[in-house]
Amino acid sequence: MASPFKWYKKLAEVDPELLQDDMAAHLDEYITQLNRIEVQVSQTSVPLSFSNELYHLRLHIEMLRNKLVQAASDSGSSDDFQ
């Protein structure tokens, strides 16, 4: 069993507010990374004491997905990444 906290570092790697490079050029890559994290999280079992943290991690993943979609929209991309 793994702690949900290990994924937050990975989420930071695809957070548009933290990225300094060209968002539009790497957006597909960031979405792919986020999808991989989401799959790993969904397949993880945690002790009951971590269930609340896992729930919040899933909320953060969704929030980050929304930020990436917004960044794509702001950059003029019309692709749907959800």
C-alpha atoms as a PDB file:
ATOM      1  CA  MET A   1       0.000   0.000   0.000  1.00  0.00           C
ATOM      2  CA  ALA A   2       1.266   3.432  -0.912  1.00  0.00           C
ATOM      3  CA  SER A   3       0.676   6.834   0.539  1.00  0.00           C
ATOM      4  CA  PRO A   4      -1.247   9.217  -1.751  1.00  0.00           C
ATOM      5  CA  PHE A   5       1.328  11.939  -1.080  1.00  0.00           C
ATOM      6  CA  LYS A   6       3.907  10.539  -3.502  1.00  0.00           C
ATOM      7  CA  TRP A   7       1.798  11.682  -6.476  1.00  0.00           C
ATOM      8  CA  TYR A   8       1.788  15.348  -5.576  1.00  0.00           C
ATOM      9  CA  LYS A   9       5.342  15.768  -6.892  1.00  0.00           C
ATOM     10  CA  LYS A  10       4.203  14.258 -10.183  1.00  0.00           C
ATOM     11  CA  LEU A  11       1.180  16.566 -10.289  1.00  0.00           C
ATOM     12  CA  ALA A  12       3.477  19.556  -9.841  1.00  0.00           C
ATOM     13  CA  GLU A  13       5.329  18.475 -12.992  1.00  0.00           C
ATOM     14  CA  VAL A  14       2.216  19.119 -15.086  1.00  0.00           C
ATOM     15  CA  ASP A  15       0.804  22.139 -13.253  1.00  0.00           C
ATOM     16  CA  PRO A  16       0.525  25.028 -15.727  1.00  0.00           C
ATOM     17  CA  GLU A  17       1.131  27.605 -12.985  1.00  0.00           C
ATOM     18  CA  LEU A  18       4.523  26.047 -12.260  1.00  0.00           C
ATOM     19  CA  LEU A  19       5.613  25.422 -15.832  1.00  0.00           C
ATOM     20  CA  GLN A  20       7.951  27.911 -17.421  1.00  0.00           C
ATOM     21  CA  ASP A  21       8.066  26.454 -20.924  1.00  0.00           C
ATOM     22  CA  ASP A  22       5.702  26.724 -23.874  1.00  0.00           C
ATOM     23  CA  MET A  23       2.450  25.218 -22.584  1.00  0.00           C
ATOM     24  CA  ALA A  24       0.888  24.676 -25.996  1.00  0.00           C
ATOM     25  CA  ALA A  25       3.895  22.771 -27.312  1.00  0.00           C
ATOM     26  CA  HIS A  26       3.777  20.258 -24.457  1.00  0.00           C
ATOM     27  CA  LEU A  27       0.083  20.112 -23.632  1.00  0.00           C
ATOM     28  CA  ASP A  28      -0.492  16.612 -25.041  1.00  0.00           C
ATOM     29  CA  GLU A  29       2.450  15.345 -23.001  1.00  0.00           C
ATOM     30  CA  TYR A  30       1.095  16.936 -19.808  1.00  0.00           C
ATOM     31  CA  ILE A  31      -2.358  15.457 -20.375  1.00  0.00           C
ATOM     32  CA  THR A  32      -0.803  12.034 -20.969  1.00  0.00           C
ATOM     33  CA  GLN A  33       1.207  12.317 -17.741  1.00  0.00           C
ATOM     34  CA  LEU A  34      -1.891  13.346 -15.838  1.00  0.00           C
ATOM     35  CA  ASN A  35      -3.846  10.412 -17.260  1.00  0.00           C
ATOM     36  CA  ARG A  36      -1.088   8.007 -16.170  1.00  0.00           C
ATOM     37  CA  ILE A  37      -1.140   9.429 -12.654  1.00  0.00           C
ATOM     38  CA  GLU A  38      -4.913   9.134 -12.536  1.00  0.00           C
ATOM     39  CA  VAL A  39      -4.782   5.471 -13.573  1.00  0.00           C
ATOM     40  CA  GLN A  40      -2.145   4.706 -10.941  1.00  0.00           C
ATOM     41  CA  VAL A  41      -4.168   6.471  -8.267  1.00  0.00           C
ATOM     42  CA  SER A  42      -7.359   4.657  -9.220  1.00  0.00           C
ATOM     43  CA  GLN A  43      -5.557   1.304  -8.919  1.00  0.00           C
ATOM     44  CA  THR A  44      -4.078   2.063  -5.519  1.00  0.00           C
ATOM     45  CA  SER A  45      -5.462   0.767  -2.288  1.00  0.00           C
ATOM     46  CA  VAL A  46      -4.665   2.668   0.858  1.00  0.00           C
ATOM     47  CA  PRO A  47      -5.357   2.100   4.512  1.00  0.00           C
ATOM     48  CA  LEU A  48      -8.559   3.628   5.765  1.00  0.00           C
ATOM     49  CA  SER A  49      -6.503   6.297   7.511  1.00  0.00           C
ATOM     50  CA  PHE A  50      -5.384   7.588   4.071  1.00  0.00           C
ATOM     51  CA  SER A  51      -8.754   7.401   2.332  1.00  0.00           C
ATOM     52  CA  ASN A  52      -9.495  11.089   2.851  1.00  0.00           C
ATOM     53  CA  GLU A  53      -6.104  12.058   1.387  1.00  0.00           C
ATOM     54  CA  LEU A  54      -6.727   9.805  -1.611  1.00  0.00           C
ATOM     55  CA  TYR A  55     -10.084  11.479  -2.180  1.00  0.00           C
ATOM     56  CA  HIS A  56      -8.430  14.916  -2.060  1.00  0.00           C
ATOM     57  CA  LEU A  57      -5.736  13.727  -4.459  1.00  0.00           C
ATOM     58  CA  ARG A  58      -8.443  12.738  -6.934  1.00  0.00           C
ATOM     59  CA  LEU A  59      -9.985  16.200  -6.549  1.00  0.00           C
ATOM     60  CA  HIS A  60      -6.597  17.781  -7.226  1.00  0.00           C
ATOM     61  CA  ILE A  61      -6.170  15.659 -10.339  1.00  0.00           C
ATOM     62  CA  GLU A  62      -9.520  16.881 -11.638  1.00  0.00           C
ATOM     63  CA  MET A  63      -8.648  20.474 -10.758  1.00  0.00           C
ATOM     64  CA  LEU A  64      -5.339  20.172 -12.592  1.00  0.00           C
ATOM     65  CA  ARG A  65      -7.087  18.649 -15.610  1.00  0.00           C
ATOM     66  CA  ASN A  66      -9.402  21.677 -15.673  1.00  0.00           C
ATOM     67  CA  LYS A  67      -6.406  24.021 -15.472  1.00  0.00           C
ATOM     68  CA  LEU A  68      -4.745  22.238 -18.402  1.00  0.00           C
ATOM     69  CA  VAL A  69      -7.923  22.399 -20.463  1.00  0.00           C
ATOM     70  CA  GLN A  70      -8.199  26.111 -19.648  1.00  0.00           C
ATOM     71  CA  ALA A  71      -4.566  26.637 -20.626  1.00  0.00           C
ATOM     72  CA  ALA A  72      -5.252  24.876 -23.914  1.00  0.00           C
ATOM     73  CA  SER A  73      -8.265  27.094 -24.467  1.00  0.00           C
ATOM     74  CA  ASP A  74      -6.284  30.226 -23.636  1.00  0.00           C
ATOM     75  CA  SER A  75      -3.536  29.209 -26.052  1.00  0.00           C
ATOM     76  CA  GLY A  76      -6.059  28.884 -28.870  1.00  0.00           C
ATOM     77  CA  SER A  77      -6.144  25.116 -29.035  1.00  0.00           C
ATOM     78  CA  SER A  78      -9.573  23.700 -29.811  1.00  0.00           C
ATOM     79  CA  ASP A  79      -8.776  20.100 -28.850  1.00  0.00           C
ATOM     80  CA  ASP A  80     -10.860  18.500 -26.133  1.00  0.00           C
ATOM     81  CA  PHE A  81      -8.563  16.853 -23.585  1.00  0.00           C
ATOM     82  CA  GLN A  82     -11.135  15.434 -21.207  1.00  0.00           C
END
